[in-house]
Amino acid sequence: MTEPILVAIISGGLALLGTVITVIAGNRRTENNLRTHQAVTEERLNSLTEEVRKHNNFAIRMPVVEEQIKVINHRLKNLEQNEKE
C-alpha cells in the first residue's frame, strides 16, 4: 500500500469513529430529554387526575346539598307561616 492510501484509510476510519461517537452522544441526550419530559408529563397528569377526582367528589355532593337546602327552605317557610298565625 502506498502512503496516501494508508492516510486516506486512517482518516476515513477516524472520521467514521467521530461520527459514531457523535451520534451515540446525541441519542443519549435525546433519551435523557425524553425521560425528563415524560416525568413532567406524568406529574402533570397525576395533578390533573387529582383535581378531577376532587371535582367529581364535589359534583356528587352538590345535589345532596341542594336537596338539603330545599328541605331547610321548606321548613323555614313553615316556621314563618306558623309564626304569622
PDB file of N, CA and C in Angstrom:
ATOM      1  N   MET A   1       0.859  -1.184   0.000  1.00  0.00           N
ATOM      2  CA  MET A   1       0.000   0.000   0.000  1.00  0.00           C
ATOM      3  C   MET A   1       0.897   1.235   0.000  1.00  0.00           C
ATOM      4  N   THR A   2       0.378   2.184  -0.688  1.00  0.00           N
ATOM      5  CA  THR A   2       1.136   3.420  -0.710  1.00  0.00           C
ATOM      6  C   THR A   2       0.704   4.300   0.434  1.00  0.00           C
ATOM      7  N   GLU A   3       1.531   5.219   0.744  1.00  0.00           N
ATOM      8  CA  GLU A   3       1.297   6.105   1.887  1.00  0.00           C
ATOM      9  C   GLU A   3       0.001   6.910   1.747  1.00  0.00           C
ATOM     10  N   PRO A   4      -0.366   7.479   0.623  1.00  0.00           N
ATOM     11  CA  PRO A   4      -1.623   8.238   0.513  1.00  0.00           C
ATOM     12  C   PRO A   4      -2.861   7.377   0.764  1.00  0.00           C
ATOM     13  N   ILE A   5      -2.819   6.127   0.323  1.00  0.00           N
ATOM     14  CA  ILE A   5      -3.963   5.250   0.555  1.00  0.00           C
ATOM     15  C   ILE A   5      -4.090   4.955   2.038  1.00  0.00           C
ATOM     16  N   LEU A   6      -2.991   4.702   2.707  1.00  0.00           N
ATOM     17  CA  LEU A   6      -2.989   4.430   4.136  1.00  0.00           C
ATOM     18  C   LEU A   6      -3.496   5.643   4.917  1.00  0.00           C
ATOM     19  N   VAL A   7      -3.079   6.808   4.541  1.00  0.00           N
ATOM     20  CA  VAL A   7      -3.543   8.043   5.205  1.00  0.00           C
ATOM     21  C   VAL A   7      -5.039   8.224   4.968  1.00  0.00           C
ATOM     22  N   ALA A   8      -5.525   7.931   3.786  1.00  0.00           N
ATOM     23  CA  ALA A   8      -6.953   8.072   3.473  1.00  0.00           C
ATOM     24  C   ALA A   8      -7.771   7.080   4.286  1.00  0.00           C
ATOM     25  N   ILE A   9      -7.277   5.851   4.431  1.00  0.00           N
ATOM     26  CA  ILE A   9      -7.996   4.842   5.214  1.00  0.00           C
ATOM     27  C   ILE A   9      -8.048   5.250   6.682  1.00  0.00           C
ATOM     28  N   ILE A  10      -6.926   5.694   7.222  1.00  0.00           N
ATOM     29  CA  ILE A  10      -6.882   6.123   8.625  1.00  0.00           C
ATOM     30  C   ILE A  10      -7.796   7.334   8.833  1.00  0.00           C
ATOM     31  N   SER A  11      -7.744   8.298   7.937  1.00  0.00           N
ATOM     32  CA  SER A  11      -8.592   9.491   8.045  1.00  0.00           C
ATOM     33  C   SER A  11     -10.066   9.126   7.970  1.00  0.00           C
ATOM     34  N   GLY A  12     -10.394   8.245   7.039  1.00  0.00           N
ATOM     35  CA  GLY A  12     -11.787   7.807   6.901  1.00  0.00           C
ATOM     36  C   GLY A  12     -12.257   7.062   8.140  1.00  0.00           C
ATOM     37  N   GLY A  13     -11.394   6.193   8.676  1.00  0.00           N
ATOM     38  CA  GLY A  13     -11.744   5.453   9.887  1.00  0.00           C
ATOM     39  C   GLY A  13     -11.956   6.378  11.076  1.00  0.00           C
ATOM     40  N   LEU A  14     -11.089   7.360  11.243  1.00  0.00           N
ATOM     41  CA  LEU A  14     -11.243   8.317  12.345  1.00  0.00           C
ATOM     42  C   LEU A  14     -12.492   9.180  12.157  1.00  0.00           C
ATOM     43  N   ALA A  15     -12.783   9.572  10.922  1.00  0.00           N
ATOM     44  CA  ALA A  15     -13.994  10.351  10.661  1.00  0.00           C
ATOM     45  C   ALA A  15     -15.232   9.519  10.986  1.00  0.00           C
ATOM     46  N   LEU A  16     -15.210   8.238  10.602  1.00  0.00           N
ATOM     47  CA  LEU A  16     -16.322   7.343  10.913  1.00  0.00           C
ATOM     48  C   LEU A  16     -16.472   7.176  12.419  1.00  0.00           C
ATOM     49  N   LEU A  17     -15.362   6.995  13.122  1.00  0.00           N
ATOM     50  CA  LEU A  17     -15.396   6.861  14.575  1.00  0.00           C
ATOM     51  C   LEU A  17     -15.967   8.131  15.224  1.00  0.00           C
ATOM     52  N   GLY A  18     -15.539   9.278  14.754  1.00  0.00           N
ATOM     53  CA  GLY A  18     -16.065  10.545  15.280  1.00  0.00           C
ATOM     54  C   GLY A  18     -17.559  10.676  15.054  1.00  0.00           C
ATOM     55  N   THR A  19     -18.023  10.270  13.887  1.00  0.00           N
ATOM     56  CA  THR A  19     -19.445  10.330  13.569  1.00  0.00           C
ATOM     57  C   THR A  19     -20.248   9.397  14.468  1.00  0.00           C
ATOM     58  N   VAL A  20     -19.731   8.177  14.676  1.00  0.00           N
ATOM     59  CA  VAL A  20     -20.424   7.211  15.531  1.00  0.00           C
ATOM     60  C   VAL A  20     -20.505   7.742  16.955  1.00  0.00           C
ATOM     61  N   ILE A  21     -19.422   8.278  17.468  1.00  0.00           N
ATOM     62  CA  ILE A  21     -19.413   8.826  18.838  1.00  0.00           C
ATOM     63  C   ILE A  21     -20.404   9.984  18.951  1.00  0.00           C
ATOM     64  N   THR A  22     -20.447  10.848  17.954  1.00  0.00           N
ATOM     65  CA  THR A  22     -21.362  11.985  17.971  1.00  0.00           C
ATOM     66  C   THR A  22     -22.817  11.512  17.955  1.00  0.00           C
ATOM     67  N   VAL A  23     -23.120  10.524  17.148  1.00  0.00           N
ATOM     68  CA  VAL A  23     -24.487  10.000  17.065  1.00  0.00           C
ATOM     69  C   VAL A  23     -24.887   9.350  18.388  1.00  0.00           C
ATOM     70  N   ILE A  24     -23.998   8.568  18.975  1.00  0.00           N
ATOM     71  CA  ILE A  24     -24.302   7.918  20.259  1.00  0.00           C
ATOM     72  C   ILE A  24     -24.544   8.964  21.345  1.00  0.00           C
ATOM     73  N   ALA A  25     -23.705   9.988  21.408  1.00  0.00           N
ATOM     74  CA  ALA A  25     -23.881  11.047  22.418  1.00  0.00           C
ATOM     75  C   ALA A  25     -25.194  11.792  22.191  1.00  0.00           C
ATOM     76  N   GLY A  26     -25.529  12.062  20.936  1.00  0.00           N
ATOM     77  CA  GLY A  26     -26.793  12.740  20.632  1.00  0.00           C
ATOM     78  C   GLY A  26     -27.989  11.901  21.033  1.00  0.00           C
ATOM     79  N   ASN A  27     -27.918  10.607  20.802  1.00  0.00           N
ATOM     80  CA  ASN A  27     -29.009   9.715  21.202  1.00  0.00           C
ATOM     81  C   ASN A  27     -29.186   9.695  22.712  1.00  0.00           C
ATOM     82  N   ARG A  28     -28.094   9.676  23.435  1.00  0.00           N
ATOM     83  CA  ARG A  28     -28.183   9.689  24.902  1.00  0.00           C
ATOM     84  C   ARG A  28     -28.845  10.964  25.406  1.00  0.00           C
ATOM     85  N   ARG A  29     -28.447  12.091  24.830  1.00  0.00           N
ATOM     86  CA  ARG A  29     -29.073  13.360  25.235  1.00  0.00           C
ATOM     87  C   ARG A  29     -30.555  13.373  24.917  1.00  0.00           C
ATOM     88  N   THR A  30     -30.887  12.866  23.739  1.00  0.00           N
ATOM     89  CA  THR A  30     -32.300  12.810  23.349  1.00  0.00           C
ATOM     90  C   THR A  30     -33.092  11.915  24.288  1.00  0.00           C
ATOM     91  N   GLU A  31     -32.538  10.765  24.641  1.00  0.00           N
ATOM     92  CA  GLU A  31     -33.217   9.860  25.568  1.00  0.00           C
ATOM     93  C   GLU A  31     -33.396  10.507  26.938  1.00  0.00           C
ATOM     94  N   ASN A  32     -32.373  11.203  27.412  1.00  0.00           N
ATOM     95  CA  ASN A  32     -32.488  11.901  28.706  1.00  0.00           C
ATOM     96  C   ASN A  32     -33.563  12.984  28.659  1.00  0.00           C
ATOM     97  N   ASN A  33     -33.607  13.717  27.562  1.00  0.00           N
ATOM     98  CA  ASN A  33     -34.642  14.749  27.417  1.00  0.00           C
ATOM     99  C   ASN A  33     -36.030  14.127  27.393  1.00  0.00           C
ATOM    100  N   LEU A  34     -36.160  13.003  26.691  1.00  0.00           N
ATOM    101  CA  LEU A  34     -37.459  12.330  26.633  1.00  0.00           C
ATOM    102  C   LEU A  34     -37.881  11.830  28.008  1.00  0.00           C
ATOM    103  N   ARG A  35     -36.933  11.284  28.771  1.00  0.00           N
ATOM    104  CA  ARG A  35     -37.266  10.820  30.123  1.00  0.00           C
ATOM    105  C   ARG A  35     -37.721  11.978  30.997  1.00  0.00           C
ATOM    106  N   THR A  36     -37.008  13.096  30.894  1.00  0.00           N
ATOM    107  CA  THR A  36     -37.369  14.270  31.682  1.00  0.00           C
ATOM    108  C   THR A  36     -38.758  14.767  31.314  1.00  0.00           C
ATOM    109  N   HIS A  37     -39.017  14.888  30.032  1.00  0.00           N
ATOM    110  CA  HIS A  37     -40.336  15.363  29.578  1.00  0.00           C
ATOM    111  C   HIS A  37     -41.438  14.379  29.960  1.00  0.00           C
ATOM    112  N   GLN A  38     -41.130  13.090  29.885  1.00  0.00           N
ATOM    113  CA  GLN A  38     -42.119  12.082  30.269  1.00  0.00           C
ATOM    114  C   GLN A  38     -42.443  12.192  31.747  1.00  0.00           C
ATOM    115  N   ALA A  39     -41.415  12.414  32.575  1.00  0.00           N
ATOM    116  CA  ALA A  39     -41.645  12.553  34.018  1.00  0.00           C
ATOM    117  C   ALA A  39     -42.495  13.787  34.314  1.00  0.00           C
ATOM    118  N   VAL A  40     -42.219  14.887  33.637  1.00  0.00           N
ATOM    119  CA  VAL A  40     -43.009  16.105  33.828  1.00  0.00           C
ATOM    120  C   VAL A  40     -44.448  15.873  33.381  1.00  0.00           C
ATOM    121  N   THR A  41     -44.616  15.218  32.246  1.00  0.00           N
ATOM    122  CA  THR A  41     -45.964  14.938  31.741  1.00  0.00           C
ATOM    123  C   THR A  41     -46.732  14.051  32.709  1.00  0.00           C
ATOM    124  N   GLU A  42     -46.074  13.024  33.233  1.00  0.00           N
ATOM    125  CA  GLU A  42     -46.739  12.136  34.192  1.00  0.00           C
ATOM    126  C   GLU A  42     -47.134  12.889  35.459  1.00  0.00           C
ATOM    127  N   GLU A  43     -46.266  13.782  35.929  1.00  0.00           N
ATOM    128  CA  GLU A  43     -46.587  14.559  37.140  1.00  0.00           C
ATOM    129  C   GLU A  43     -47.776  15.473  36.886  1.00  0.00           C
ATOM    130  N   ARG A  44     -47.799  16.117  35.728  1.00  0.00           N
ATOM    131  CA  ARG A  44     -48.935  16.983  35.390  1.00  0.00           C
ATOM    132  C   ARG A  44     -50.224  16.172  35.270  1.00  0.00           C
ATOM    133  N   LEU A  45     -50.123  15.004  34.663  1.00  0.00           N
ATOM    134  CA  LEU A  45     -51.285  14.141  34.522  1.00  0.00           C
ATOM    135  C   LEU A  45     -51.801  13.701  35.889  1.00  0.00           C
ATOM    136  N   ASN A  46     -50.887  13.342  36.786  1.00  0.00           N
ATOM    137  CA  ASN A  46     -51.295  12.962  38.144  1.00  0.00           C
ATOM    138  C   ASN A  46     -51.973  14.121  38.860  1.00  0.00           C
ATOM    139  N   SER A  47     -51.432  15.325  38.678  1.00  0.00           N
ATOM    140  CA  SER A  47     -52.028  16.509  39.303  1.00  0.00           C
ATOM    141  C   SER A  47     -53.434  16.761  38.760  1.00  0.00           C
ATOM    142  N   LEU A  48     -53.585  16.675  37.452  1.00  0.00           N
ATOM    143  CA  LEU A  48     -54.904  16.878  36.839  1.00  0.00           C
ATOM    144  C   LEU A  48     -55.883  15.791  37.266  1.00  0.00           C
ATOM    145  N   THR A  49     -55.393  14.562  37.382  1.00  0.00           N
ATOM    146  CA  THR A  49     -56.252  13.465  37.823  1.00  0.00           C
ATOM    147  C   THR A  49     -56.773  13.741  39.227  1.00  0.00           C
ATOM    148  N   GLU A  50     -55.906  14.237  40.101  1.00  0.00           N
ATOM    149  CA  GLU A  50     -56.321  14.563  41.474  1.00  0.00           C
ATOM    150  C   GLU A  50     -57.362  15.686  41.473  1.00  0.00           C
ATOM    151  N   GLU A  51     -57.157  16.694  40.624  1.00  0.00           N
ATOM    152  CA  GLU A  51     -58.131  17.783  40.546  1.00  0.00           C
ATOM    153  C   GLU A  51     -59.483  17.280  40.032  1.00  0.00           C
ATOM    154  N   VAL A  52     -59.458  16.385  39.053  1.00  0.00           N
ATOM    155  CA  VAL A  52     -60.700  15.833  38.524  1.00  0.00           C
ATOM    156  C   VAL A  52     -61.420  15.030  39.601  1.00  0.00           C
ATOM    157  N   ARG A  53     -60.669  14.268  40.378  1.00  0.00           N
ATOM    158  CA  ARG A  53     -61.285  13.490  41.461  1.00  0.00           C
ATOM    159  C   ARG A  53     -61.942  14.413  42.487  1.00  0.00           C
ATOM    160  N   LYS A  54     -61.260  15.505  42.820  1.00  0.00           N
ATOM    161  CA  LYS A  54     -61.847  16.461  43.761  1.00  0.00           C
ATOM    162  C   LYS A  54     -63.127  17.056  43.184  1.00  0.00           C
ATOM    163  N   HIS A  55     -63.075  17.411  41.907  1.00  0.00           N
ATOM    164  CA  HIS A  55     -64.245  17.991  41.255  1.00  0.00           C
ATOM    165  C   HIS A  55     -65.397  16.984  41.216  1.00  0.00           C
ATOM    166  N   ASN A  56     -65.077  15.736  40.898  1.00  0.00           N
ATOM    167  CA  ASN A  56     -66.120  14.714  40.849  1.00  0.00           C
ATOM    168  C   ASN A  56     -66.759  14.519  42.218  1.00  0.00           C
ATOM    169  N   ASN A  57     -65.952  14.540  43.253  1.00  0.00           N
ATOM    170  CA  ASN A  57     -66.483  14.413  44.605  1.00  0.00           C
ATOM    171  C   ASN A  57     -67.411  15.588  44.913  1.00  0.00           C
ATOM    172  N   PHE A  58     -67.002  16.779  44.494  1.00  0.00           N
ATOM    173  CA  PHE A  58     -67.835  17.958  44.674  1.00  0.00           C
ATOM    174  C   PHE A  58     -69.139  17.815  43.890  1.00  0.00           C
ATOM    175  N   ALA A  59     -69.027  17.319  42.667  1.00  0.00           N
ATOM    176  CA  ALA A  59     -70.215  17.161  41.815  1.00  0.00           C
ATOM    177  C   ALA A  59     -71.179  16.126  42.394  1.00  0.00           C
ATOM    178  N   ILE A  60     -70.650  15.132  43.086  1.00  0.00           N
ATOM    179  CA  ILE A  60     -71.509  14.127  43.712  1.00  0.00           C
ATOM    180  C   ILE A  60     -72.196  14.707  44.940  1.00  0.00           C
ATOM    181  N   ARG A  61     -71.462  15.498  45.709  1.00  0.00           N
ATOM    182  CA  ARG A  61     -72.007  16.038  46.962  1.00  0.00           C
ATOM    183  C   ARG A  61     -72.951  17.207  46.742  1.00  0.00           C
ATOM    184  N   MET A  62     -72.794  17.950  45.657  1.00  0.00           N
ATOM    185  CA  MET A  62     -73.591  19.159  45.436  1.00  0.00           C
ATOM    186  C   MET A  62     -75.092  18.880  45.352  1.00  0.00           C
ATOM    187  N   PRO A  63     -75.573  17.877  44.643  1.00  0.00           N
ATOM    188  CA  PRO A  63     -77.020  17.618  44.632  1.00  0.00           C
ATOM    189  C   PRO A  63     -77.571  17.318  46.036  1.00  0.00           C
ATOM    190  N   VAL A  64     -76.765  16.660  46.850  1.00  0.00           N
ATOM    191  CA  VAL A  64     -77.193  16.388  48.228  1.00  0.00           C
ATOM    192  C   VAL A  64     -77.371  17.699  48.983  1.00  0.00           C
ATOM    193  N   VAL A  65     -76.422  18.597  48.818  1.00  0.00           N
ATOM    194  CA  VAL A  65     -76.513  19.901  49.480  1.00  0.00           C
ATOM    195  C   VAL A  65     -77.723  20.676  48.967  1.00  0.00           C
ATOM    196  N   GLU A  66     -77.949  20.628  47.661  1.00  0.00           N
ATOM    197  CA  GLU A  66     -79.106  21.334  47.101  1.00  0.00           C
ATOM    198  C   GLU A  66     -80.409  20.787  47.684  1.00  0.00           C
ATOM    199  N   GLU A  67     -80.502  19.492  47.818  1.00  0.00           N
ATOM    200  CA  GLU A  67     -81.712  18.892  48.402  1.00  0.00           C
ATOM    201  C   GLU A  67     -81.874  19.316  49.858  1.00  0.00           C
ATOM    202  N   GLN A  68     -80.777  19.355  50.581  1.00  0.00           N
ATOM    203  CA  GLN A  68     -80.844  19.800  51.975  1.00  0.00           C
ATOM    204  C   GLN A  68     -81.285  21.256  52.069  1.00  0.00           C
ATOM    205  N   ILE A  69     -80.825  22.077  51.147  1.00  0.00           N
ATOM    206  CA  ILE A  69     -81.234  23.489  51.140  1.00  0.00           C
ATOM    207  C   ILE A  69     -82.735  23.599  50.864  1.00  0.00           C
ATOM    208  N   LYS A  70     -83.233  22.778  49.938  1.00  0.00           N
ATOM    209  CA  LYS A  70     -84.674  22.795  49.663  1.00  0.00           C
ATOM    210  C   LYS A  70     -85.464  22.429  50.919  1.00  0.00           C
ATOM    211  N   VAL A  71     -85.004  21.408  51.632  1.00  0.00           N
ATOM    212  CA  VAL A  71     -85.695  20.990  52.856  1.00  0.00           C
ATOM    213  C   VAL A  71     -85.635  22.101  53.899  1.00  0.00           C
ATOM    214  N   ILE A  72     -84.486  22.710  54.043  1.00  0.00           N
ATOM    215  CA  ILE A  72     -84.332  23.802  55.021  1.00  0.00           C
ATOM    216  C   ILE A  72     -85.241  24.970  54.669  1.00  0.00           C
ATOM    217  N   ASN A  73     -85.276  25.331  53.389  1.00  0.00           N
ATOM    218  CA  ASN A  73     -86.146  26.427  52.958  1.00  0.00           C
ATOM    219  C   ASN A  73     -87.618  26.106  53.220  1.00  0.00           C
ATOM    220  N   HIS A  74     -87.997  24.864  52.964  1.00  0.00           N
ATOM    221  CA  HIS A  74     -89.378  24.451  53.203  1.00  0.00           C
ATOM    222  C   HIS A  74     -89.702  24.538  54.702  1.00  0.00           C
ATOM    223  N   ARG A  75     -88.804  24.067  55.537  1.00  0.00           N
ATOM    224  CA  ARG A  75     -89.030  24.113  56.984  1.00  0.00           C
ATOM    225  C   ARG A  75     -89.079  25.559  57.478  1.00  0.00           C
ATOM    226  N   LEU A  76     -88.204  26.392  56.917  1.00  0.00           N
ATOM    227  CA  LEU A  76     -88.197  27.807  57.295  1.00  0.00           C
ATOM    228  C   LEU A  76     -89.513  28.474  56.890  1.00  0.00           C
ATOM    229  N   LYS A  77     -89.991  28.157  55.707  1.00  0.00           N
ATOM    230  CA  LYS A  77     -91.261  28.713  55.241  1.00  0.00           C
ATOM    231  C   LYS A  77     -92.404  28.284  56.169  1.00  0.00           C
ATOM    232  N   ASN A  78     -92.396  26.997  56.584  1.00  0.00           N
ATOM    233  CA  ASN A  78     -93.410  26.523  57.518  1.00  0.00           C
ATOM    234  C   ASN A  78     -93.331  27.231  58.871  1.00  0.00           C
ATOM    235  N   LEU A  79     -92.127  27.452  59.334  1.00  0.00           N
ATOM    236  CA  LEU A  79     -91.960  28.159  60.623  1.00  0.00           C
ATOM    237  C   LEU A  79     -92.457  29.602  60.518  1.00  0.00           C
ATOM    238  N   GLU A  80     -92.172  30.252  59.399  1.00  0.00           N
ATOM    239  CA  GLU A  80     -92.628  31.619  59.204  1.00  0.00           C
ATOM    240  C   GLU A  80     -94.165  31.672  59.151  1.00  0.00           C
ATOM    241  N   GLN A  81     -94.772  30.712  58.483  1.00  0.00           N
ATOM    242  CA  GLN A  81     -96.228  30.667  58.408  1.00  0.00           C
ATOM    243  C   GLN A  81     -96.831  30.412  59.798  1.00  0.00           C
ATOM    244  N   ASN A  82     -96.220  29.519  60.551  1.00  0.00           N
ATOM    245  CA  ASN A  82     -96.706  29.238  61.902  1.00  0.00           C
ATOM    246  C   ASN A  82     -96.581  30.463  62.796  1.00  0.00           C
ATOM    247  N   GLU A  83     -95.547  31.231  62.615  1.00  0.00           N
ATOM    248  CA  GLU A  83     -95.349  32.432  63.432  1.00  0.00           C
ATOM    249  C   GLU A  83     -96.401  33.492  63.097  1.00  0.00           C
ATOM    250  N   LYS A  84     -96.766  33.589  61.812  1.00  0.00           N
ATOM    251  CA  LYS A  84     -97.778  34.582  61.426  1.00  0.00           C
ATOM    252  C   LYS A  84     -99.138  34.223  61.970  1.00  0.00           C
ATOM    253  N   GLU A  85     -99.390  32.949  62.137  1.00  0.00           N
ATOM    254  CA  GLU A  85    -100.706  32.519  62.589  1.00  0.00           C
ATOM    255  C   GLU A  85    -100.833  32.679  64.039  1.00  0.00           C
TER     256      GLU A  85
END
